[in-house]
């Protein structure tokens, strides 16, 4: 009888420990998805996930009862042998045994397979809660008396969970939506180009030479400086050049927006699209130009190669001057 009780105590502690990890790590969104698909026990598992207090009190009580019962049985067995040193040795051995086989292994297994097993664990957990309900009720009352009762419902999921669901989506729009959401975590300072990489021309250049520079460099635009080759006036592209005469003048130049290094890609993209500019100057921590944000680079990360063309003028109150190969705001 005692060996059977010992085995049952170990099983109780193992199940409770694993179930606690499985339900704690399970996704509410995936549980709702299983419910919509009509999976067996999906509604029961969702009720536990949405109210963590129900499964936490059950699993904690179950784990402790299992460990205490196994310890009592081991102690009784050692006393029955009449060997004085056997009891502490068996208790130490039991401690390591329970730590490995009733805690670490089940927790690890449930963590890696939580979504696959959480529904199947729901019914046994409900039965365990019914059997241990008097003890659970007392434990719940004492904990409420000490810390109070708070709202248990899990309303929100982590961003990584939502991104993972989008990435796993069978729809073609899922991965795209996942990449768009990630844009909110990426700062423009991480994807900007250096200003010296961008082709530059100046006011007074012939329109044909500017066209040739666009073709030779492969860029959809070039930055335009004043005649002093220091002050940045804006940019020009193929559409804007058509407004100019034979020589590049103010009619063929568009203004350029400014951003901070810490701005996220979503806000930068929105501003660039709103201004119809293909790029914007990125300011560093000192307030000086640190690089240039190109809309094509941002869009390429989502959909591949694209082209942009500017048709609207973007007013700018700032000016940039180049000194010794460096851009400085004036």
Protein backbone atom coordinates (compact mmCIF):
# COMPACT_ATOMS: atom_id res chain seq x y z
CA UNK A 1 0.00 0.00 0.00
CA UNK A 2 2.79 2.42 0.93
CA UNK A 3 4.66 1.98 -2.40
CA UNK A 4 1.42 2.70 -4.28
CA UNK A 5 0.81 5.85 -2.23
CA UNK A 6 4.40 6.94 -2.90
CA UNK A 7 3.94 6.51 -6.66
CA UNK A 8 0.63 8.41 -6.55
CA UNK A 9 2.28 11.23 -4.57
CA UNK A 10 5.07 11.55 -7.15
CA UNK A 11 2.53 11.52 -10.00
CA UNK A 12 0.47 14.20 -8.25
CA UNK A 13 3.51 16.46 -7.75
CA UNK A 14 4.73 15.86 -11.32
CA UNK A 15 1.35 16.56 -12.91
CA UNK A 16 0.74 19.67 -10.82
CA UNK A 17 4.17 21.10 -11.53
CA UNK A 18 3.91 20.50 -15.28
CA UNK A 19 0.34 21.79 -15.51
CA UNK A 20 1.31 25.01 -13.74
CA UNK A 21 4.01 25.70 -16.35
CA UNK A 22 1.81 24.70 -19.28
CA UNK A 23 -1.08 26.99 -18.34
CA UNK A 24 1.21 29.84 -17.29
CA UNK A 25 3.02 29.79 -20.64
CA UNK A 26 -0.02 29.02 -22.83
CA UNK A 27 -1.30 31.71 -25.17
CA UNK A 28 -4.78 33.13 -24.70
CA UNK A 29 -4.92 33.98 -28.41
CA UNK A 30 -4.09 30.41 -29.41
CA UNK A 31 -6.66 29.14 -26.92
CA UNK A 32 -9.30 31.33 -28.55
CA UNK A 33 -8.20 30.01 -31.93
CA UNK A 34 -8.65 26.40 -30.76
CA UNK A 35 -12.09 27.31 -29.42
CA UNK A 36 -13.12 28.74 -32.81
CA UNK A 37 -11.86 25.55 -34.45
CA UNK A 38 -14.03 23.47 -32.10
CA UNK A 39 -11.13 21.60 -30.47
CA UNK A 40 -11.98 19.26 -27.59
CA UNK A 41 -11.70 20.83 -24.11
CA UNK A 42 -10.73 24.17 -25.69
CA UNK A 43 -13.37 26.07 -23.73
CA UNK A 44 -12.26 24.51 -20.44
CA UNK A 45 -8.60 25.31 -21.06
CA UNK A 46 -9.51 28.88 -22.00
CA UNK A 47 -11.42 29.28 -18.71
CA UNK A 48 -8.26 28.32 -16.80
CA UNK A 49 -5.99 30.56 -18.90
CA UNK A 50 -8.25 33.58 -18.50
CA UNK A 51 -8.38 33.10 -14.72
CA UNK A 52 -4.85 32.14 -13.58
CA UNK A 53 -5.94 32.01 -9.93
CA UNK A 54 -7.94 28.83 -10.62
CA UNK A 55 -5.05 26.77 -11.96
CA UNK A 56 -2.35 28.33 -9.76
CA UNK A 57 -4.07 27.47 -6.47
CA UNK A 58 -4.86 23.96 -7.72
CA UNK A 59 -1.36 23.18 -9.00
CA UNK A 60 0.43 24.70 -6.03
CA UNK A 61 -1.70 22.75 -3.56
CA UNK A 62 -1.26 19.57 -5.61
CA UNK A 63 2.52 19.98 -5.83
CA UNK A 64 2.92 20.58 -2.12
CA UNK A 65 0.61 17.72 -1.10
CA UNK A 66 2.51 15.36 -3.40
CA UNK A 67 5.93 16.37 -2.05
CA UNK A 68 4.84 16.28 1.61
CA UNK A 69 3.12 12.90 1.19
CA UNK A 70 6.18 11.42 -0.54
CA UNK A 71 8.41 12.74 2.26
CA UNK A 72 6.18 11.24 4.99
CA UNK A 73 6.12 7.84 3.29
CA UNK A 74 9.91 7.89 2.85
CA UNK A 75 10.40 8.84 6.50
CA UNK A 76 8.06 6.08 7.70
CA UNK A 77 9.89 3.52 5.57
CA UNK A 78 13.28 4.58 6.96
CA UNK A 79 12.02 4.41 10.56
CA UNK A 80 10.71 0.89 9.96
CA UNK A 81 14.15 -0.39 8.99
CA UNK A 82 15.65 0.58 12.36
CA UNK A 83 18.74 2.07 10.67
CA UNK A 84 19.30 5.53 12.16
CA UNK A 85 21.35 7.01 9.30
CA UNK A 86 19.00 5.77 6.56
CA UNK A 87 16.30 8.41 7.08
CA UNK A 88 18.44 11.53 6.35
CA UNK A 89 20.06 9.76 3.38
CA UNK A 90 16.69 8.87 1.87
CA UNK A 91 15.33 12.38 2.49
CA UNK A 92 18.31 13.90 0.64
CA UNK A 93 17.89 11.39 -2.18
CA UNK A 94 14.15 12.12 -2.33
CA UNK A 95 14.83 15.86 -2.51
CA UNK A 96 17.03 15.46 -5.59
CA UNK A 97 14.64 12.94 -7.10
CA UNK A 98 11.62 15.23 -6.73
CA UNK A 99 13.59 18.25 -7.94
CA UNK A 100 14.62 16.52 -11.15
CA UNK A 101 11.68 14.25 -11.97
CA UNK A 102 8.79 16.16 -10.38
CA UNK A 103 9.93 19.71 -11.09
CA UNK A 104 12.60 20.29 -13.74
CA UNK A 105 11.71 17.62 -16.29
CA UNK A 106 7.90 18.11 -16.31
CA UNK A 107 8.26 21.90 -16.35
CA UNK A 108 10.66 21.76 -19.29
CA UNK A 109 8.49 19.30 -21.22
CA UNK A 110 5.34 21.34 -20.63
CA UNK A 111 7.10 24.57 -21.60
CA UNK A 112 8.16 23.30 -25.03
CA UNK A 113 4.85 21.53 -25.76
CA UNK A 114 2.39 23.77 -23.89
CA UNK A 115 0.04 24.51 -26.79
CA UNK A 116 -0.19 20.84 -27.77
CA UNK A 117 -1.04 19.55 -24.28
CA UNK A 118 -2.80 22.37 -22.47
CA UNK A 119 -6.28 21.34 -23.65
CA UNK A 120 -5.70 17.71 -22.65
CA UNK A 121 -4.57 18.80 -19.18
CA UNK A 122 -7.75 20.78 -18.58
CA UNK A 123 -10.05 17.91 -17.56
CA UNK A 124 -7.56 16.21 -15.17
CA UNK A 125 -6.85 19.62 -13.65
CA UNK A 126 -10.57 20.23 -13.15
CA UNK A 127 -10.95 16.82 -11.46
CA UNK A 128 -7.94 17.53 -9.25
CA UNK A 129 -9.47 20.87 -8.30
CA UNK A 130 -12.71 19.12 -7.33
CA UNK A 131 -10.90 16.51 -5.19
CA UNK A 132 -8.70 19.06 -3.43
CA UNK A 133 -11.34 21.78 -3.30
CA UNK A 134 -11.58 22.01 0.55
CA UNK A 135 -7.82 22.51 0.82
CA UNK A 136 -7.81 24.86 -2.18
CA UNK A 137 -10.63 26.89 -0.64
CA UNK A 138 -8.69 27.35 2.61
CA UNK A 139 -5.45 28.24 0.78
CA UNK A 140 -7.30 30.67 -1.48
CA UNK A 141 -8.99 32.32 1.50
CA UNK A 142 -5.71 32.78 3.36
CA UNK A 143 -3.91 34.23 0.32
CA UNK A 144 -6.81 36.60 -0.35
CA UNK A 145 -6.77 37.67 3.28
CA UNK A 146 -3.07 38.53 3.05
CA UNK A 147 -2.65 40.07 -0.42
CA UNK A 148 -6.25 40.81 -1.43
CA UNK A 149 -8.05 39.80 -4.59
CA UNK A 150 -7.04 41.32 -7.89
CA UNK A 151 -8.38 40.99 -11.41
CA UNK A 152 -7.04 37.76 -12.86
CA UNK A 153 -8.26 37.94 -16.44
CA UNK A 154 -5.48 38.03 -18.99
CA UNK A 155 -6.62 40.58 -21.58
CA UNK A 156 -3.41 41.31 -23.47
CA UNK A 157 -0.74 39.12 -25.00
CA UNK A 158 2.90 40.01 -25.46
CA UNK A 159 3.96 41.63 -28.72
CA UNK A 160 6.25 38.69 -29.50
CA UNK A 161 3.28 36.32 -29.24
CA UNK A 162 1.22 38.38 -31.68
CA UNK A 163 4.16 38.68 -34.07
CA UNK A 164 4.68 34.92 -33.93
CA UNK A 165 1.03 34.28 -34.77
CA UNK A 166 1.24 36.64 -37.75
CA UNK A 167 4.43 34.99 -38.97
CA UNK A 168 2.78 31.55 -38.76
CA UNK A 169 -0.38 32.73 -40.51
CA UNK A 170 -1.39 30.73 -43.58
CA UNK A 171 -2.44 33.96 -45.28
CA UNK A 172 0.08 35.86 -47.41
CA UNK A 173 -0.76 39.01 -45.47
CA UNK A 174 0.31 37.48 -42.16
CA UNK A 175 4.09 37.76 -42.65
CA UNK A 176 3.67 41.24 -44.16
CA UNK A 177 1.64 42.39 -41.16
CA UNK A 178 4.25 40.86 -38.87
CA UNK A 179 7.04 42.82 -40.57
CA UNK A 180 4.99 46.02 -40.44
CA UNK A 181 4.47 45.63 -36.69
CA UNK A 182 8.19 45.10 -36.24
CA UNK A 183 8.79 48.49 -37.88
CA UNK A 184 7.60 50.07 -34.65
CA UNK A 185 10.62 48.59 -32.84
CA UNK A 186 13.24 49.57 -35.42
CA UNK A 187 14.73 53.06 -35.27
CA UNK A 188 15.61 55.01 -38.36
CA UNK A 189 19.12 55.50 -37.00
CA UNK A 190 19.71 51.77 -37.53
CA UNK A 191 18.81 51.76 -41.23
CA UNK A 192 19.85 55.22 -42.42
CA UNK A 193 22.58 55.73 -44.99
CA UNK A 194 25.55 58.04 -44.66
CA UNK A 195 25.14 61.40 -46.37
CA UNK A 196 28.35 60.96 -48.34
CA UNK A 197 26.83 57.92 -50.08
CA UNK A 198 24.14 60.07 -51.72
CA UNK A 199 24.92 61.86 -55.01
CA UNK A 200 25.00 65.65 -54.75
CA UNK A 201 24.59 68.39 -57.35
CA UNK A 202 24.23 72.15 -57.08
CA UNK A 203 22.03 74.93 -58.37
CA UNK A 204 23.11 76.06 -61.82
CA UNK A 205 24.07 72.62 -63.11
CA UNK A 206 22.63 71.78 -66.49
CA UNK A 207 19.53 69.68 -66.46
CA UNK A 208 21.13 67.08 -68.71
CA UNK A 209 24.11 66.66 -66.37
CA UNK A 210 21.76 66.11 -63.44
CA UNK A 211 19.82 63.54 -65.46
CA UNK A 212 23.10 61.79 -66.27
CA UNK A 213 24.00 61.74 -62.58
CA UNK A 214 20.64 60.14 -61.75
CA UNK A 215 21.21 57.48 -64.40
CA UNK A 216 24.85 56.81 -63.49
CA UNK A 217 24.26 56.50 -59.74
CA UNK A 218 20.98 54.60 -59.98
CA UNK A 219 19.46 56.74 -57.23
CA UNK A 220 15.91 58.07 -57.74
CA UNK A 221 17.03 61.51 -56.53
CA UNK A 222 20.07 63.68 -55.85
CA UNK A 223 20.64 66.20 -53.09
CA UNK A 224 20.94 69.81 -54.24
CA UNK A 225 23.31 72.37 -52.70
CA UNK A 226 23.50 76.09 -53.19
CA UNK A 227 26.18 77.46 -55.48
CA UNK A 228 28.59 77.60 -52.53
CA UNK A 229 28.52 73.76 -52.43
CA UNK A 230 27.87 73.94 -48.68
CA UNK A 231 24.24 74.79 -47.94
CA UNK A 232 21.74 72.04 -48.69
CA UNK A 233 18.75 73.38 -50.59
CA UNK A 234 16.76 70.16 -50.93
CA UNK A 235 16.63 67.39 -53.51
CA UNK A 236 15.58 66.85 -57.10
CA UNK A 237 14.39 63.85 -59.07
CA UNK A 238 13.25 63.13 -62.59
CA UNK A 239 9.81 64.67 -62.16
CA UNK A 240 11.12 67.80 -60.46
CA UNK A 241 13.78 68.36 -63.12
CA UNK A 242 11.06 68.73 -65.74
CA UNK A 243 9.89 71.89 -63.95
CA UNK A 244 13.32 73.48 -64.33
CA UNK A 245 14.84 75.13 -67.38
CA UNK A 246 18.07 74.11 -69.06
CA UNK A 247 19.83 74.96 -65.80
CA UNK A 248 18.73 73.58 -62.44
CA UNK A 249 16.97 76.31 -60.48
CA UNK A 250 14.55 76.63 -57.56
CA UNK A 251 11.63 75.40 -59.66
CA UNK A 252 13.21 71.96 -59.92
CA UNK A 253 14.10 71.59 -56.24
CA UNK A 254 11.96 70.03 -53.54
CA UNK A 255 12.27 70.49 -49.77
CA UNK A 256 13.34 67.60 -47.55
CA UNK A 257 11.97 66.60 -44.10
CA UNK A 258 14.01 65.99 -40.95
CA UNK A 259 13.91 63.16 -38.42
CA UNK A 260 15.57 62.17 -35.17
CA UNK A 261 17.69 59.02 -34.90
CA UNK A 262 15.24 57.57 -32.38
CA UNK A 263 12.17 57.88 -34.63
CA UNK A 264 10.60 54.52 -35.50
CA UNK A 265 10.21 53.33 -39.08
CA UNK A 266 6.41 53.58 -39.01
CA UNK A 267 6.38 57.29 -38.14
CA UNK A 268 9.19 58.01 -40.61
CA UNK A 269 7.37 56.15 -43.38
CA UNK A 270 4.14 57.99 -42.65
CA UNK A 271 5.87 61.37 -42.74
CA UNK A 272 7.73 60.58 -45.95
CA UNK A 273 4.55 59.41 -47.65
CA UNK A 274 2.66 62.45 -46.41
CA UNK A 275 5.34 64.80 -47.71
CA UNK A 276 5.83 62.80 -50.93
CA UNK A 277 9.59 63.01 -50.34
CA UNK A 278 11.77 59.99 -51.20
CA UNK A 279 14.12 60.67 -48.29
CA UNK A 280 14.69 62.73 -45.17
CA UNK A 281 17.67 63.98 -43.20
CA UNK A 282 18.33 62.13 -39.91
CA UNK A 283 19.65 64.23 -37.05
CA UNK A 284 22.03 62.79 -34.48
CA UNK A 285 22.14 63.34 -30.73
CA UNK A 286 23.93 66.67 -31.18
CA UNK A 287 21.25 67.94 -33.54
CA UNK A 288 23.57 67.71 -36.53
CA UNK A 289 22.90 65.59 -39.64
CA UNK A 290 23.94 61.99 -39.03
CA UNK A 291 22.58 60.36 -42.17
CA UNK A 292 19.69 60.13 -44.59
CA UNK A 293 16.55 57.99 -44.42
CA UNK A 294 15.42 56.69 -47.81
CA UNK A 295 11.83 55.55 -48.23
CA UNK A 296 12.86 52.88 -50.74
CA UNK A 297 15.10 51.25 -48.13
CA UNK A 298 12.21 51.01 -45.68
CA UNK A 299 9.74 49.67 -48.23
CA UNK A 300 12.28 47.21 -49.62
CA UNK A 301 12.43 45.54 -46.22
CA UNK A 302 8.71 44.79 -46.55
CA UNK A 303 7.87 44.25 -50.19
CA UNK A 304 11.08 44.30 -52.21
CA UNK A 305 12.33 46.85 -54.73
CA UNK A 306 10.09 49.83 -55.37
CA UNK A 307 10.43 53.28 -56.86
CA UNK A 308 9.28 56.61 -55.53
CA UNK A 309 8.75 59.95 -57.17
CA UNK A 310 8.15 63.29 -55.56
CA UNK A 311 5.45 65.60 -56.82
CA UNK A 312 4.91 67.90 -53.83
CA UNK A 313 7.16 70.53 -52.36
CA UNK A 314 8.08 70.09 -48.70
CA UNK A 315 8.95 73.38 -47.00
CA UNK A 316 11.91 73.33 -44.65
CA UNK A 317 13.22 75.99 -42.32
CA UNK A 318 16.53 74.25 -41.76
CA UNK A 319 19.68 74.40 -43.87
CA UNK A 320 22.66 72.10 -44.05
CA UNK A 321 26.19 73.15 -44.94
CA UNK A 322 29.17 70.95 -45.76
CA UNK A 323 32.52 71.77 -44.17
CA UNK A 324 35.53 69.50 -44.60
CA UNK A 325 33.33 66.76 -45.94
CA UNK A 326 30.90 66.92 -43.00
CA UNK A 327 27.32 68.21 -42.94
CA UNK A 328 26.48 70.88 -40.37
CA UNK A 329 23.10 72.48 -39.64
CA UNK A 330 22.85 76.27 -39.93
